[in-house]
Amino acid sequence: MTLQLSDINTLFTQRGHHQYSGEPVTQLEHALQTALLAEQAQASPALIAAALLHDLGHLLEEQDGSPTCAGIDDLHQYRILPFLRALFGEPVLAPIRLHVDAKRYLCSVDPAYFASLSADSVRSLALQGGIFSSEEAQQFISKPYASDAVQLRRWDDLAKTANLQTPDYDHFSHYLTAAQLPQDKMSKN
């Protein structure tokens, strides 16, 4: 099944109020805060769209509590991709797909980064394969869009502030429209 922009809005409307695993924000608050940080950094529309959608895979299933507390890596970064592939190209999809590995990369290359992670991020890091070796880190950063994924990861980590006022979903939805594939390419996917 392919999601349309209206379906994405519906997912955030119906499930965005769920707590973001182990954090003091909801899924929607986290998405909006991440997108706001991307917008403030004057990122491209595609990267702002990726920031808004990076954890949308969490909303595809009803789960109580944090999957990491149950020892589960929900693979959210991959789960959402088939649903978005007909709408967006690699400038949106790759940072979403790579944002988990970007955490593994940052832990490898920035000793202070690991100390800044929340408890749930540390738990998920172990489930997601742990810190990259030097060789794995080099392989990761040489991938297309890896630097965008690293930037997205940094915004992701900062987007966990309780009661932070942000623009609403409608404010950011125009970035989704701007980042969409042209109609002629949509029909080929």
N, C-alpha and C. Protein backbone atom coordinates (compact mmCIF):
# COMPACT_ATOMS: atom_id res chain seq x y z
N MET A 1 0.84 -1.19 0.00
CA MET A 1 0.00 0.00 0.00
C MET A 1 0.88 1.24 0.00
N THR A 2 0.53 2.17 -0.82
CA THR A 2 1.22 3.45 -0.88
C THR A 2 0.44 4.48 -0.08
N LEU A 3 1.15 5.27 0.68
CA LEU A 3 0.50 6.35 1.40
C LEU A 3 0.40 7.57 0.50
N GLN A 4 -0.66 8.30 0.63
CA GLN A 4 -0.81 9.61 0.01
C GLN A 4 -0.52 10.65 1.09
N LEU A 5 -0.36 11.89 0.69
CA LEU A 5 -0.11 12.94 1.69
C LEU A 5 -1.23 13.00 2.72
N SER A 6 -2.45 12.79 2.28
CA SER A 6 -3.59 12.81 3.21
C SER A 6 -3.49 11.66 4.22
N ASP A 7 -2.95 10.52 3.79
CA ASP A 7 -2.78 9.37 4.70
C ASP A 7 -1.72 9.67 5.77
N ILE A 8 -0.69 10.38 5.38
CA ILE A 8 0.35 10.77 6.35
C ILE A 8 -0.26 11.68 7.41
N ASN A 9 -1.04 12.63 6.95
CA ASN A 9 -1.74 13.52 7.89
C ASN A 9 -2.63 12.71 8.83
N THR A 10 -3.33 11.74 8.29
CA THR A 10 -4.22 10.90 9.10
C THR A 10 -3.43 10.11 10.14
N LEU A 11 -2.28 9.56 9.75
CA LEU A 11 -1.45 8.83 10.71
C LEU A 11 -1.05 9.72 11.88
N PHE A 12 -0.59 10.93 11.57
CA PHE A 12 -0.22 11.84 12.65
C PHE A 12 -1.43 12.24 13.48
N THR A 13 -2.58 12.43 12.84
CA THR A 13 -3.79 12.81 13.56
C THR A 13 -4.26 11.68 14.49
N GLN A 14 -4.25 10.46 13.99
CA GLN A 14 -4.79 9.34 14.75
C GLN A 14 -3.80 8.74 15.75
N ARG A 15 -2.51 8.79 15.43
CA ARG A 15 -1.53 8.11 16.30
C ARG A 15 -0.41 9.01 16.81
N GLY A 16 -0.39 10.24 16.36
CA GLY A 16 0.67 11.15 16.77
C GLY A 16 0.66 11.50 18.24
N HIS A 17 -0.47 11.30 18.91
CA HIS A 17 -0.56 11.60 20.34
C HIS A 17 0.11 10.53 21.21
N HIS A 18 0.52 9.41 20.60
CA HIS A 18 1.20 8.36 21.37
C HIS A 18 2.56 8.87 21.84
N GLN A 19 2.93 8.41 23.01
CA GLN A 19 4.21 8.82 23.58
C GLN A 19 5.35 8.35 22.68
N TYR A 20 6.32 9.20 22.48
CA TYR A 20 7.54 8.83 21.76
C TYR A 20 8.36 8.00 22.73
N SER A 21 8.69 6.79 22.35
CA SER A 21 9.30 5.78 23.22
C SER A 21 10.30 6.33 24.22
N GLY A 22 9.93 6.30 25.49
CA GLY A 22 10.82 6.65 26.57
C GLY A 22 11.20 8.12 26.65
N GLU A 23 10.48 8.99 25.95
CA GLU A 23 10.84 10.41 25.91
C GLU A 23 9.66 11.25 26.43
N PRO A 24 9.91 12.50 26.79
CA PRO A 24 8.85 13.35 27.35
C PRO A 24 7.99 14.06 26.30
N VAL A 25 7.93 13.52 25.10
CA VAL A 25 7.15 14.11 24.00
C VAL A 25 6.33 13.02 23.31
N THR A 26 5.33 13.46 22.57
CA THR A 26 4.56 12.53 21.74
C THR A 26 5.26 12.34 20.40
N GLN A 27 4.77 11.37 19.64
CA GLN A 27 5.32 11.14 18.31
C GLN A 27 5.21 12.41 17.45
N LEU A 28 4.04 13.06 17.50
CA LEU A 28 3.84 14.27 16.69
C LEU A 28 4.74 15.41 17.18
N GLU A 29 4.83 15.60 18.48
CA GLU A 29 5.70 16.65 19.01
C GLU A 29 7.15 16.43 18.56
N HIS A 30 7.59 15.17 18.60
CA HIS A 30 8.95 14.85 18.17
C HIS A 30 9.14 15.17 16.69
N ALA A 31 8.18 14.79 15.87
CA ALA A 31 8.26 15.05 14.42
C ALA A 31 8.30 16.55 14.15
N LEU A 32 7.44 17.30 14.81
CA LEU A 32 7.38 18.74 14.60
C LEU A 32 8.65 19.43 15.08
N GLN A 33 9.18 18.99 16.22
CA GLN A 33 10.42 19.59 16.73
C GLN A 33 11.59 19.29 15.79
N THR A 34 11.64 18.08 15.26
CA THR A 34 12.72 17.72 14.34
C THR A 34 12.63 18.55 13.06
N ALA A 35 11.42 18.68 12.53
CA ALA A 35 11.21 19.48 11.32
C ALA A 35 11.54 20.95 11.58
N LEU A 36 11.19 21.45 12.75
CA LEU A 36 11.49 22.84 13.09
C LEU A 36 13.00 23.08 13.11
N LEU A 37 13.74 22.16 13.70
CA LEU A 37 15.20 22.30 13.73
C LEU A 37 15.78 22.30 12.31
N ALA A 38 15.23 21.45 11.45
CA ALA A 38 15.68 21.41 10.06
C ALA A 38 15.34 22.73 9.35
N GLU A 39 14.15 23.23 9.59
CA GLU A 39 13.74 24.50 8.98
C GLU A 39 14.62 25.64 9.47
N GLN A 40 14.90 25.67 10.76
CA GLN A 40 15.75 26.72 11.32
C GLN A 40 17.16 26.67 10.75
N ALA A 41 17.61 25.48 10.37
CA ALA A 41 18.93 25.32 9.76
C ALA A 41 18.91 25.61 8.26
N GLN A 42 17.74 25.98 7.77
CA GLN A 42 17.55 26.29 6.35
C GLN A 42 17.91 25.10 5.46
N ALA A 43 17.50 23.92 5.91
CA ALA A 43 17.70 22.70 5.13
C ALA A 43 16.82 22.73 3.88
N SER A 44 17.10 21.85 2.97
CA SER A 44 16.29 21.75 1.75
C SER A 44 14.89 21.26 2.10
N PRO A 45 13.90 21.53 1.25
CA PRO A 45 12.56 20.99 1.49
C PRO A 45 12.57 19.46 1.67
N ALA A 46 13.40 18.76 0.91
CA ALA A 46 13.46 17.31 1.03
C ALA A 46 13.97 16.88 2.40
N LEU A 47 14.97 17.57 2.93
CA LEU A 47 15.51 17.19 4.24
C LEU A 47 14.55 17.59 5.36
N ILE A 48 13.84 18.69 5.19
CA ILE A 48 12.81 19.05 6.17
C ILE A 48 11.69 18.01 6.14
N ALA A 49 11.31 17.56 4.95
CA ALA A 49 10.30 16.49 4.83
C ALA A 49 10.79 15.22 5.52
N ALA A 50 12.05 14.86 5.30
CA ALA A 50 12.62 13.67 5.95
C ALA A 50 12.61 13.83 7.46
N ALA A 51 12.92 15.04 7.94
CA ALA A 51 12.91 15.29 9.38
C ALA A 51 11.51 15.09 9.96
N LEU A 52 10.50 15.56 9.24
CA LEU A 52 9.13 15.39 9.70
C LEU A 52 8.72 13.93 9.70
N LEU A 53 9.17 13.16 8.72
CA LEU A 53 8.71 11.79 8.51
C LEU A 53 9.64 10.71 9.05
N HIS A 54 10.78 11.05 9.60
CA HIS A 54 11.80 10.05 9.90
C HIS A 54 11.34 8.94 10.83
N ASP A 55 10.43 9.20 11.72
CA ASP A 55 9.96 8.17 12.65
C ASP A 55 8.53 7.73 12.36
N LEU A 56 8.02 8.03 11.17
CA LEU A 56 6.65 7.66 10.82
C LEU A 56 6.43 6.15 10.90
N GLY A 57 7.47 5.38 10.69
CA GLY A 57 7.36 3.91 10.80
C GLY A 57 6.87 3.45 12.16
N HIS A 58 7.14 4.23 13.20
CA HIS A 58 6.63 3.89 14.54
C HIS A 58 5.10 3.94 14.59
N LEU A 59 4.50 4.74 13.73
CA LEU A 59 3.05 4.93 13.77
C LEU A 59 2.28 3.89 12.96
N LEU A 60 2.99 3.01 12.27
CA LEU A 60 2.29 2.00 11.46
C LEU A 60 1.67 0.90 12.29
N GLU A 61 2.18 0.71 13.50
CA GLU A 61 1.65 -0.34 14.38
C GLU A 61 1.30 0.25 15.73
N GLU A 62 0.25 -0.28 16.30
CA GLU A 62 -0.12 0.10 17.68
C GLU A 62 0.78 -0.68 18.62
N GLN A 63 1.59 0.03 19.40
CA GLN A 63 2.44 -0.62 20.39
C GLN A 63 2.30 0.12 21.70
N ASP A 64 2.20 -0.63 22.77
CA ASP A 64 2.18 -0.02 24.09
C ASP A 64 3.61 0.09 24.59
N GLY A 65 3.96 1.26 25.09
CA GLY A 65 5.28 1.46 25.66
C GLY A 65 6.38 1.47 24.62
N SER A 66 7.58 1.42 25.10
CA SER A 66 8.75 1.44 24.24
C SER A 66 9.14 0.04 23.80
N PRO A 67 9.25 -0.21 22.50
CA PRO A 67 9.67 -1.54 22.05
C PRO A 67 11.04 -1.92 22.60
N THR A 68 11.90 -0.93 22.81
CA THR A 68 13.25 -1.25 23.28
C THR A 68 13.23 -1.86 24.68
N CYS A 69 12.25 -1.47 25.49
CA CYS A 69 12.15 -2.06 26.84
C CYS A 69 11.82 -3.55 26.77
N ALA A 70 11.21 -3.96 25.68
CA ALA A 70 10.90 -5.38 25.47
C ALA A 70 11.99 -6.07 24.65
N GLY A 71 13.09 -5.35 24.39
CA GLY A 71 14.18 -5.94 23.62
C GLY A 71 13.90 -6.03 22.13
N ILE A 72 13.06 -5.13 21.61
CA ILE A 72 12.66 -5.17 20.21
C ILE A 72 13.19 -3.96 19.46
N ASP A 73 13.84 -4.22 18.34
CA ASP A 73 14.17 -3.16 17.39
C ASP A 73 13.05 -3.21 16.35
N ASP A 74 12.23 -2.19 16.31
CA ASP A 74 11.05 -2.23 15.44
C ASP A 74 11.35 -1.92 13.97
N LEU A 75 12.61 -1.61 13.65
CA LEU A 75 13.05 -1.38 12.27
C LEU A 75 12.20 -0.32 11.57
N HIS A 76 11.79 0.68 12.32
CA HIS A 76 10.90 1.72 11.80
C HIS A 76 11.48 2.44 10.59
N GLN A 77 12.81 2.55 10.55
CA GLN A 77 13.45 3.27 9.46
C GLN A 77 13.29 2.55 8.12
N TYR A 78 13.05 1.25 8.16
CA TYR A 78 12.82 0.47 6.94
C TYR A 78 11.33 0.24 6.69
N ARG A 79 10.58 0.06 7.76
CA ARG A 79 9.17 -0.30 7.64
C ARG A 79 8.38 0.73 6.83
N ILE A 80 8.70 2.00 6.98
CA ILE A 80 7.93 3.05 6.33
C ILE A 80 8.27 3.22 4.85
N LEU A 81 9.44 2.81 4.42
CA LEU A 81 9.91 3.10 3.07
C LEU A 81 8.99 2.61 1.95
N PRO A 82 8.48 1.39 2.00
CA PRO A 82 7.59 0.97 0.90
C PRO A 82 6.33 1.83 0.79
N PHE A 83 5.90 2.39 1.89
CA PHE A 83 4.70 3.23 1.89
C PHE A 83 4.96 4.62 1.32
N LEU A 84 6.22 5.05 1.35
CA LEU A 84 6.57 6.40 0.90
C LEU A 84 7.24 6.43 -0.48
N ARG A 85 7.68 5.29 -0.96
CA ARG A 85 8.48 5.23 -2.19
C ARG A 85 7.80 5.84 -3.41
N ALA A 86 6.50 5.71 -3.52
CA ALA A 86 5.80 6.27 -4.68
C ALA A 86 5.65 7.79 -4.59
N LEU A 87 5.82 8.34 -3.40
CA LEU A 87 5.68 9.79 -3.21
C LEU A 87 6.99 10.55 -3.28
N PHE A 88 8.06 9.95 -2.75
CA PHE A 88 9.30 10.68 -2.56
C PHE A 88 10.48 9.93 -3.16
N GLY A 89 11.51 10.69 -3.52
CA GLY A 89 12.75 10.12 -4.01
C GLY A 89 13.78 9.98 -2.91
N GLU A 90 14.98 9.64 -3.32
CA GLU A 90 16.08 9.39 -2.38
C GLU A 90 16.43 10.59 -1.50
N PRO A 91 16.28 11.84 -1.95
CA PRO A 91 16.60 12.95 -1.04
C PRO A 91 15.76 12.95 0.24
N VAL A 92 14.58 12.33 0.21
CA VAL A 92 13.74 12.17 1.41
C VAL A 92 13.95 10.80 2.02
N LEU A 93 13.92 9.77 1.19
CA LEU A 93 13.95 8.39 1.70
C LEU A 93 15.29 7.99 2.30
N ALA A 94 16.39 8.38 1.68
CA ALA A 94 17.70 7.95 2.18
C ALA A 94 17.99 8.46 3.59
N PRO A 95 17.77 9.74 3.90
CA PRO A 95 18.02 10.16 5.29
C PRO A 95 17.13 9.42 6.30
N ILE A 96 15.89 9.10 5.91
CA ILE A 96 15.03 8.31 6.80
C ILE A 96 15.65 6.94 7.01
N ARG A 97 16.02 6.28 5.91
CA ARG A 97 16.58 4.93 5.98
C ARG A 97 17.88 4.90 6.78
N LEU A 98 18.68 5.96 6.67
CA LEU A 98 20.02 5.97 7.27
C LEU A 98 20.10 6.63 8.65
N HIS A 99 19.00 7.19 9.16
CA HIS A 99 19.13 7.95 10.41
C HIS A 99 19.49 7.08 11.62
N VAL A 100 19.14 5.81 11.60
CA VAL A 100 19.53 4.92 12.70
C VAL A 100 21.02 4.61 12.61
N ASP A 101 21.49 4.29 11.40
CA ASP A 101 22.93 4.05 11.24
C ASP A 101 23.74 5.31 11.50
N ALA A 102 23.15 6.48 11.30
CA ALA A 102 23.85 7.73 11.61
C ALA A 102 24.15 7.82 13.10
N LYS A 103 23.27 7.29 13.93
CA LYS A 103 23.54 7.26 15.38
C LYS A 103 24.74 6.35 15.66
N ARG A 104 24.77 5.21 15.01
CA ARG A 104 25.89 4.28 15.18
C ARG A 104 27.20 4.91 14.72
N TYR A 105 27.11 5.68 13.64
CA TYR A 105 28.27 6.40 13.10
C TYR A 105 28.75 7.47 14.09
N LEU A 106 27.82 8.31 14.55
CA LEU A 106 28.20 9.39 15.45
C LEU A 106 28.83 8.87 16.74
N CYS A 107 28.33 7.76 17.24
CA CYS A 107 28.93 7.17 18.44
C CYS A 107 30.37 6.74 18.18
N SER A 108 30.65 6.35 16.95
CA SER A 108 31.98 5.90 16.57
C SER A 108 32.96 7.06 16.41
N VAL A 109 32.50 8.17 15.85
CA VAL A 109 33.43 9.25 15.51
C VAL A 109 33.43 10.42 16.50
N ASP A 110 32.44 10.48 17.38
CA ASP A 110 32.32 11.60 18.32
C ASP A 110 32.13 11.05 19.73
N PRO A 111 33.21 10.96 20.51
CA PRO A 111 33.12 10.37 21.85
C PRO A 111 32.07 11.04 22.75
N ALA A 112 31.84 12.33 22.58
CA ALA A 112 30.86 13.03 23.42
C ALA A 112 29.43 12.72 23.01
N TYR A 113 29.25 12.25 21.80
CA TYR A 113 27.89 12.00 21.30
C TYR A 113 27.17 10.93 22.11
N PHE A 114 27.85 9.81 22.38
CA PHE A 114 27.21 8.72 23.13
C PHE A 114 26.72 9.21 24.48
N ALA A 115 27.50 10.03 25.16
CA ALA A 115 27.12 10.54 26.48
C ALA A 115 25.88 11.42 26.42
N SER A 116 25.55 11.95 25.24
CA SER A 116 24.39 12.83 25.11
C SER A 116 23.09 12.08 24.82
N LEU A 117 23.18 10.79 24.56
CA LEU A 117 22.00 10.03 24.20
C LEU A 117 21.07 9.79 25.38
N SER A 118 19.78 9.78 25.10
CA SER A 118 18.80 9.45 26.13
C SER A 118 18.89 7.96 26.45
N ALA A 119 18.29 7.56 27.56
CA ALA A 119 18.32 6.15 27.96
C ALA A 119 17.71 5.25 26.89
N ASP A 120 16.59 5.69 26.28
CA ASP A 120 15.97 4.87 25.25
C ASP A 120 16.84 4.78 24.00
N SER A 121 17.55 5.85 23.66
CA SER A 121 18.46 5.82 22.51
C SER A 121 19.63 4.87 22.76
N VAL A 122 20.10 4.81 23.99
CA VAL A 122 21.17 3.87 24.32
C VAL A 122 20.66 2.44 24.20
N ARG A 123 19.46 2.17 24.71
CA ARG A 123 18.89 0.82 24.57
C ARG A 123 18.71 0.45 23.11
N SER A 124 18.17 1.38 22.32
CA SER A 124 17.94 1.06 20.91
C SER A 124 19.26 0.89 20.17
N LEU A 125 20.29 1.64 20.54
CA LEU A 125 21.60 1.50 19.90
C LEU A 125 22.09 0.06 20.00
N ALA A 126 21.97 -0.55 21.16
CA ALA A 126 22.41 -1.93 21.34
C ALA A 126 21.59 -2.87 20.44
N LEU A 127 20.30 -2.64 20.37
CA LEU A 127 19.43 -3.49 19.55
C LEU A 127 19.67 -3.29 18.05
N GLN A 128 20.15 -2.12 17.68
CA GLN A 128 20.35 -1.78 16.27
C GLN A 128 21.74 -2.14 15.76
N GLY A 129 22.53 -2.81 16.59
CA GLY A 129 23.84 -3.28 16.13
C GLY A 129 25.02 -2.65 16.83
N GLY A 130 24.77 -1.69 17.70
CA GLY A 130 25.85 -1.08 18.46
C GLY A 130 26.65 -0.06 17.66
N ILE A 131 27.73 0.39 18.27
CA ILE A 131 28.58 1.43 17.69
C ILE A 131 29.35 0.84 16.51
N PHE A 132 29.41 1.60 15.42
CA PHE A 132 30.18 1.18 14.25
C PHE A 132 31.66 1.09 14.58
N SER A 133 32.32 0.12 13.96
CA SER A 133 33.78 0.09 13.97
C SER A 133 34.27 1.23 13.08
N SER A 134 35.55 1.51 13.11
CA SER A 134 36.11 2.56 12.26
C SER A 134 35.84 2.27 10.79
N GLU A 135 35.99 1.03 10.40
CA GLU A 135 35.74 0.64 9.00
C GLU A 135 34.26 0.81 8.64
N GLU A 136 33.37 0.38 9.52
CA GLU A 136 31.94 0.55 9.27
C GLU A 136 31.56 2.02 9.19
N ALA A 137 32.17 2.83 10.05
CA ALA A 137 31.89 4.27 10.03
C ALA A 137 32.31 4.88 8.70
N GLN A 138 33.48 4.50 8.22
CA GLN A 138 33.96 5.02 6.94
C GLN A 138 33.05 4.57 5.79
N GLN A 139 32.62 3.34 5.83
CA GLN A 139 31.71 2.84 4.78
C GLN A 139 30.38 3.60 4.82
N PHE A 140 29.89 3.84 6.02
CA PHE A 140 28.62 4.55 6.15
C PHE A 140 28.71 5.96 5.59
N ILE A 141 29.70 6.74 6.01
CA ILE A 141 29.75 8.15 5.64
C ILE A 141 30.03 8.35 4.15
N SER A 142 30.49 7.31 3.48
CA SER A 142 30.74 7.43 2.04
C SER A 142 29.47 7.17 1.21
N LYS A 143 28.38 6.78 1.87
CA LYS A 143 27.13 6.52 1.15
C LYS A 143 26.47 7.84 0.74
N PRO A 144 25.77 7.82 -0.40
CA PRO A 144 24.99 9.01 -0.75
C PRO A 144 23.98 9.34 0.35
N TYR A 145 23.85 10.60 0.64
CA TYR A 145 22.91 11.14 1.64
C TYR A 145 23.29 10.83 3.09
N ALA A 146 24.45 10.23 3.32
CA ALA A 146 24.86 9.94 4.70
C ALA A 146 25.03 11.23 5.51
N SER A 147 25.59 12.26 4.91
CA SER A 147 25.77 13.51 5.67
C SER A 147 24.42 14.12 6.02
N ASP A 148 23.42 13.99 5.13
CA ASP A 148 22.07 14.45 5.46
C ASP A 148 21.50 13.64 6.62
N ALA A 149 21.75 12.34 6.61
CA ALA A 149 21.26 11.48 7.69
C ALA A 149 21.91 11.84 9.02
N VAL A 150 23.18 12.21 8.99
CA VAL A 150 23.88 12.62 10.22
C VAL A 150 23.25 13.90 10.76
N GLN A 151 22.98 14.84 9.88
CA GLN A 151 22.35 16.08 10.33
C GLN A 151 20.95 15.79 10.89
N LEU A 152 20.19 14.95 10.18
CA LEU A 152 18.86 14.56 10.67
C LEU A 152 18.97 13.91 12.04
N ARG A 153 19.97 13.08 12.23
CA ARG A 153 20.15 12.40 13.51
C ARG A 153 20.39 13.41 14.64
N ARG A 154 21.17 14.40 14.36
CA ARG A 154 21.44 15.41 15.40
C ARG A 154 20.16 16.17 15.76
N TRP A 155 19.35 16.52 14.76
CA TRP A 155 18.07 17.17 15.04
C TRP A 155 17.16 16.21 15.81
N ASP A 156 17.16 14.95 15.40
CA ASP A 156 16.35 13.91 16.05
C ASP A 156 16.67 13.87 17.55
N ASP A 157 17.93 13.88 17.88
CA ASP A 157 18.34 13.80 19.29
C ASP A 157 17.96 15.04 20.09
N LEU A 158 17.88 16.18 19.44
CA LEU A 158 17.52 17.43 20.13
C LEU A 158 16.02 17.64 20.23
N ALA A 159 15.24 16.86 19.51
CA ALA A 159 13.80 17.09 19.37
C ALA A 159 13.00 16.29 20.41
N LYS A 160 13.32 16.51 21.66
CA LYS A 160 12.68 15.75 22.74
C LYS A 160 12.38 16.65 23.93
N THR A 161 12.00 17.90 23.65
CA THR A 161 11.78 18.88 24.69
C THR A 161 10.30 18.96 25.05
N ALA A 162 9.97 18.65 26.28
CA ALA A 162 8.57 18.69 26.72
C ALA A 162 8.03 20.11 26.60
N ASN A 163 6.80 20.21 26.13
CA ASN A 163 6.04 21.47 26.06
C ASN A 163 6.67 22.55 25.19
N LEU A 164 7.53 22.19 24.26
CA LEU A 164 8.10 23.17 23.34
C LEU A 164 7.05 23.58 22.32
N GLN A 165 6.88 24.87 22.15
CA GLN A 165 5.92 25.39 21.17
C GLN A 165 6.56 25.33 19.77
N THR A 166 5.86 24.71 18.85
CA THR A 166 6.31 24.61 17.47
C THR A 166 5.16 24.98 16.54
N PRO A 167 5.47 25.29 15.29
CA PRO A 167 4.38 25.40 14.32
C PRO A 167 3.67 24.04 14.22
N ASP A 168 2.44 24.06 13.72
CA ASP A 168 1.67 22.81 13.63
C ASP A 168 2.02 22.02 12.36
N TYR A 169 1.40 20.86 12.22
CA TYR A 169 1.66 19.98 11.08
C TYR A 169 1.39 20.70 9.76
N ASP A 170 0.32 21.47 9.69
CA ASP A 170 -0.01 22.17 8.45
C ASP A 170 1.13 23.09 8.00
N HIS A 171 1.81 23.70 8.94
CA HIS A 171 2.94 24.57 8.61
C HIS A 171 4.01 23.80 7.83
N PHE A 172 4.28 22.56 8.23
CA PHE A 172 5.35 21.77 7.61
C PHE A 172 4.87 20.96 6.41
N SER A 173 3.59 20.81 6.24
CA SER A 173 3.09 19.95 5.16
C SER A 173 3.47 20.45 3.77
N HIS A 174 3.69 21.74 3.63
CA HIS A 174 4.08 22.24 2.30
C HIS A 174 5.45 21.72 1.88
N TYR A 175 6.30 21.35 2.85
CA TYR A 175 7.59 20.75 2.50
C TYR A 175 7.39 19.35 1.91
N LEU A 176 6.37 18.65 2.38
CA LEU A 176 6.06 17.33 1.81
C LEU A 176 5.65 17.50 0.35
N THR A 177 4.81 18.48 0.08
CA THR A 177 4.37 18.75 -1.29
C THR A 177 5.56 19.14 -2.15
N ALA A 178 6.42 20.01 -1.64
CA ALA A 178 7.59 20.47 -2.41
C ALA A 178 8.57 19.34 -2.69
N ALA A 179 8.65 18.37 -1.80
CA ALA A 179 9.62 17.27 -1.95
C ALA A 179 9.07 16.09 -2.73
N GLN A 180 7.80 16.11 -3.06
CA GLN A 180 7.18 15.00 -3.80
C GLN A 180 7.84 14.80 -5.16
N LEU A 181 7.83 13.56 -5.59
CA LEU A 181 8.27 13.26 -6.96
C LEU A 181 7.32 13.92 -7.95
N PRO A 182 7.83 14.30 -9.11
CA PRO A 182 6.92 14.81 -10.15
C PRO A 182 5.91 13.73 -10.53
N GLN A 183 4.74 14.14 -10.98
CA GLN A 183 3.66 13.19 -11.32
C GLN A 183 4.12 12.11 -12.28
N ASP A 184 4.92 12.44 -13.28
CA ASP A 184 5.33 11.44 -14.26
C ASP A 184 6.23 10.37 -13.64
N LYS A 185 7.00 10.71 -12.61
CA LYS A 185 7.83 9.72 -11.94
C LYS A 185 7.03 8.93 -10.92
N MET A 186 5.98 9.51 -10.36
CA MET A 186 5.15 8.78 -9.39
C MET A 186 4.53 7.55 -10.03
N SER A 187 4.05 7.69 -11.25
CA SER A 187 3.37 6.57 -11.90
C SER A 187 4.33 5.44 -12.25
N LYS A 188 5.63 5.71 -12.30
CA LYS A 188 6.63 4.67 -12.64
C LYS A 188 7.06 3.88 -11.43
N ASN A 189 6.75 4.32 -10.22
CA ASN A 189 7.18 3.61 -9.02
C ASN A 189 6.22 2.55 -8.62
